[in-house]
Amino acid sequence: DTAAAAVAAAAAAAGAAAPSPPLPLTSTAGTLAHDKAINAVDVSPDDGLAVSASADRTARLWRLPDLVPGPVLRGHRRGVWDARFAPADRLVATAGGDAVIRLWALPDGACVRVLEGHGASVLRCVWVAGGAALLSSGADGLMKTWHPRSGECVATADAHGSKAWALDAVDAGGRGGGGAGGAGALPPPLAASGGADG
């Protein structure tokens, strides 16, 4: 194709690698998963499970690759905006429109902890420090760092003047405590967030 050759030649002249050809995507399974919109999905670190989060106030576990239904995670009083598997522990975190984060044990889906502290919907959550900490962002514009074992909020940043819709972080990969905060302190994560304030 002449256009692809021209792009590759321009990239080579600029010292950049030629773009890779697109990867083919195919669907291997599908199912009606929830009664309302799905807001997020995540795949477990071992690729054996998936979790879906829905506006129907539930999250659901699925066995991969065939999407065999697993436990329904019920307990949020409003829609579930996000769901994330912990990198090491057998836990799933869900972020809800009811301003709480719930932690669920695998494989049975029992709720083992409720993290409260946001003043509005929790929109995103992400595990950091090898699962030793959980970050959250909410419609209150706040970002919070949680210690999942104790349920304690260990830091709050007034990061946005409005809803903080997007959140991601570099996993500190299990850097142990003992940093600037003393023994048992959580390592400071490197996080990026985006909100309705631009």
Protein backbone atom coordinates (compact mmCIF):
# COMPACT_ATOMS: atom_id res chain seq x y z
CA ASP A 1 0.00 0.00 0.00
CA THR A 2 1.48 3.34 -1.05
CA ALA A 3 0.19 5.33 1.95
CA ALA A 4 1.69 2.84 4.42
CA ALA A 5 5.02 2.94 2.58
CA ALA A 6 5.00 6.76 2.70
CA VAL A 7 4.30 6.73 6.48
CA ALA A 8 7.10 4.19 7.03
CA ALA A 9 9.52 6.26 4.93
CA ALA A 10 8.62 9.46 6.82
CA ALA A 11 9.06 7.70 10.17
CA ALA A 12 12.44 6.29 9.10
CA ALA A 13 13.57 9.73 7.92
CA ALA A 14 12.56 11.19 11.29
CA GLY A 15 14.48 8.47 13.11
CA ALA A 16 11.34 6.78 14.45
CA ALA A 17 10.38 3.17 14.12
CA ALA A 18 7.85 2.33 11.45
CA PRO A 19 4.35 1.85 12.85
CA SER A 20 3.32 -1.72 13.53
CA PRO A 21 0.53 -3.22 11.49
CA PRO A 22 -2.80 -3.29 13.35
CA LEU A 23 -3.42 -6.33 15.51
CA PRO A 24 -6.50 -8.32 14.57
CA LEU A 25 -9.14 -8.41 17.32
CA THR A 26 -11.68 -11.18 17.59
CA SER A 27 -14.41 -11.82 20.11
CA THR A 28 -14.25 -15.26 21.69
CA ALA A 29 -17.25 -14.95 24.02
CA GLY A 30 -20.09 -12.58 24.79
CA THR A 31 -23.04 -12.42 27.13
CA LEU A 32 -25.62 -10.06 28.56
CA ALA A 33 -23.83 -9.19 31.77
CA HIS A 34 -25.90 -6.53 33.57
CA ASP A 35 -29.28 -4.78 33.56
CA LYS A 36 -27.70 -1.36 32.90
CA ALA A 37 -24.53 0.09 31.34
CA ILE A 38 -21.13 -1.41 32.12
CA ASN A 39 -18.79 1.31 33.39
CA ALA A 40 -15.55 -0.68 33.73
CA VAL A 41 -13.95 -4.08 33.29
CA ASP A 42 -10.68 -5.52 34.59
CA VAL A 43 -8.82 -8.82 34.16
CA SER A 44 -7.12 -10.58 37.08
CA PRO A 45 -3.30 -10.75 37.20
CA ASP A 46 -3.41 -14.50 36.39
CA ASP A 47 -5.82 -13.93 33.44
CA GLY A 48 -8.28 -16.40 34.98
CA LEU A 49 -11.04 -13.96 36.00
CA ALA A 50 -12.65 -10.76 34.82
CA VAL A 51 -14.81 -8.32 36.74
CA SER A 52 -17.43 -5.96 35.31
CA ALA A 53 -18.79 -2.87 37.09
CA SER A 54 -22.25 -1.58 36.25
CA ALA A 55 -24.71 1.24 36.72
CA ASP A 56 -27.11 -1.46 37.99
CA ARG A 57 -25.34 -1.17 41.42
CA THR A 58 -23.47 -4.47 41.03
CA ALA A 59 -20.14 -5.85 39.93
CA ARG A 60 -19.79 -9.40 38.65
CA LEU A 61 -16.97 -11.91 38.45
CA TRP A 62 -16.49 -13.99 35.29
CA ARG A 63 -14.27 -17.04 34.69
CA LEU A 64 -12.19 -16.62 31.56
CA PRO A 65 -11.88 -17.31 28.67
CA ASP A 66 -15.51 -18.44 28.28
CA LEU A 67 -17.20 -15.78 30.49
CA VAL A 68 -18.66 -18.32 32.89
CA PRO A 69 -20.69 -16.26 35.39
CA GLY A 70 -19.35 -16.07 38.92
CA PRO A 71 -20.55 -14.30 42.05
CA VAL A 72 -22.48 -11.04 41.78
CA LEU A 73 -20.95 -8.42 44.09
CA ARG A 74 -23.93 -6.68 45.74
CA GLY A 75 -23.78 -3.95 48.35
CA HIS A 76 -23.37 -0.58 46.63
CA ARG A 77 -26.46 1.63 46.95
CA ARG A 78 -25.73 3.42 43.65
CA GLY A 79 -24.02 2.49 40.37
CA VAL A 80 -20.54 0.99 40.38
CA TRP A 81 -18.07 3.16 38.43
CA ASP A 82 -14.91 1.06 38.61
CA ALA A 83 -13.60 -2.38 39.62
CA ARG A 84 -9.95 -3.44 39.93
CA PHE A 85 -8.21 -6.67 40.92
CA ALA A 86 -5.44 -6.38 43.51
CA PRO A 87 -2.07 -7.39 42.04
CA ALA A 88 -1.20 -9.87 44.79
CA ASP A 89 -3.99 -10.46 47.32
CA ARG A 90 -7.15 -12.22 46.26
CA LEU A 91 -9.22 -9.02 46.37
CA VAL A 92 -11.31 -6.84 44.07
CA ALA A 93 -11.94 -3.16 44.81
CA THR A 94 -15.12 -1.50 43.54
CA ALA A 95 -15.74 2.26 43.43
CA GLY A 96 -19.35 3.31 43.84
CA GLY A 97 -21.72 6.17 43.28
CA ASP A 98 -22.64 5.80 46.95
CA ALA A 99 -19.27 7.42 47.86
CA VAL A 100 -17.67 4.20 49.14
CA ILE A 101 -15.09 1.67 48.00
CA ARG A 102 -15.81 -1.95 48.77
CA LEU A 103 -13.19 -4.70 48.97
CA TRP A 104 -14.34 -8.18 47.99
CA ALA A 105 -12.60 -11.50 48.71
CA LEU A 106 -11.99 -13.99 45.93
CA PRO A 107 -13.25 -16.46 44.89
CA ASP A 108 -16.53 -16.18 46.88
CA GLY A 109 -17.15 -12.44 46.47
CA ALA A 110 -17.70 -11.70 50.16
CA CYS A 111 -17.39 -8.02 51.08
CA VAL A 112 -14.52 -7.80 53.57
CA ARG A 113 -14.14 -4.03 54.00
CA VAL A 114 -15.90 -0.75 53.21
CA LEU A 115 -13.71 2.35 52.75
CA GLU A 116 -15.55 5.59 53.52
CA GLY A 117 -14.27 9.14 53.20
CA HIS A 118 -15.24 10.62 49.84
CA GLY A 119 -18.01 13.22 49.93
CA ALA A 120 -19.46 12.16 46.57
CA SER A 121 -19.28 9.29 44.06
CA VAL A 122 -16.00 7.38 43.91
CA LEU A 123 -15.27 7.31 40.19
CA ARG A 124 -11.96 5.43 39.88
CA CYS A 125 -9.62 3.27 41.94
CA VAL A 126 -6.20 1.81 41.26
CA TRP A 127 -3.92 -0.47 43.30
CA VAL A 128 -0.33 0.65 43.92
CA ALA A 129 2.69 -0.50 45.92
CA GLY A 130 2.13 -4.12 44.96
CA GLY A 131 -1.36 -4.01 46.48
CA ALA A 132 -0.27 -2.41 49.76
CA ALA A 133 -2.21 0.75 48.89
CA LEU A 134 -5.25 1.80 46.91
CA LEU A 135 -5.74 5.19 45.27
CA SER A 136 -9.18 6.62 44.55
CA SER A 137 -10.61 9.67 42.83
CA GLY A 138 -14.08 11.03 43.13
CA ALA A 139 -16.77 13.44 42.09
CA ASP A 140 -15.71 15.57 45.06
CA GLY A 141 -12.43 16.33 43.21
CA LEU A 142 -10.40 14.50 45.85
CA MET A 143 -7.74 11.84 45.42
CA LYS A 144 -7.25 9.55 48.40
CA THR A 145 -4.68 6.94 49.39
CA TRP A 146 -6.01 4.01 51.41
CA HIS A 147 -4.40 1.28 53.46
CA PRO A 148 -6.62 -1.65 52.44
CA ARG A 149 -5.79 -3.90 55.40
CA SER A 150 -6.87 -1.34 57.99
CA GLY A 151 -9.35 0.61 55.85
CA GLU A 152 -7.63 3.83 56.89
CA CYS A 153 -7.37 6.80 54.53
CA VAL A 154 -3.70 7.77 54.89
CA ALA A 155 -3.62 10.78 52.54
CA THR A 156 -6.00 13.14 50.77
CA ALA A 157 -5.21 15.58 47.96
CA ASP A 158 -7.64 18.23 46.75
CA ALA A 159 -6.59 17.48 43.18
CA HIS A 160 -9.45 18.91 41.11
CA GLY A 161 -12.07 21.60 41.40
CA SER A 162 -14.64 19.20 40.03
CA LYS A 163 -15.13 15.50 39.25
CA ALA A 164 -11.89 13.50 38.90
CA TRP A 165 -12.95 11.09 36.14
CA ALA A 166 -9.61 9.52 35.23
CA LEU A 167 -6.94 7.95 37.44
CA ASP A 168 -3.90 5.79 36.84
CA ALA A 169 -0.62 5.25 38.65
CA VAL A 170 2.79 3.70 38.39
CA ASP A 171 2.79 0.68 40.69
CA ALA A 172 5.54 1.15 43.20
CA GLY A 173 5.99 -2.61 42.91
CA GLY A 174 6.11 -3.51 46.55
CA ARG A 175 8.65 -0.97 47.74
CA GLY A 176 8.47 -1.61 51.45
CA GLY A 177 7.58 0.77 54.23
CA GLY A 178 10.19 2.69 56.08
CA GLY A 179 10.29 5.61 53.65
CA ALA A 180 9.99 9.21 54.72
CA GLY A 181 6.97 8.35 56.83
CA GLY A 182 8.82 5.89 59.08
CA ALA A 183 8.32 2.19 59.64
CA GLY A 184 5.22 0.83 57.96
CA ALA A 185 4.68 3.95 55.85
CA LEU A 186 3.31 3.46 52.37
CA PRO A 187 5.57 4.50 49.50
CA PRO A 188 4.42 7.59 47.66
CA PRO A 189 2.84 6.54 44.35
CA LEU A 190 3.30 8.40 41.09
CA ALA A 191 -0.25 9.08 39.94
CA ALA A 192 -1.96 10.88 37.08
CA SER A 193 -5.54 12.08 37.17
CA GLY A 194 -7.88 14.00 34.95
CA GLY A 195 -11.06 15.80 35.79
CA ALA A 196 -13.97 17.85 34.57
CA ASP A 197 -11.88 20.96 35.33
CA GLY A 198 -9.68 20.19 32.31
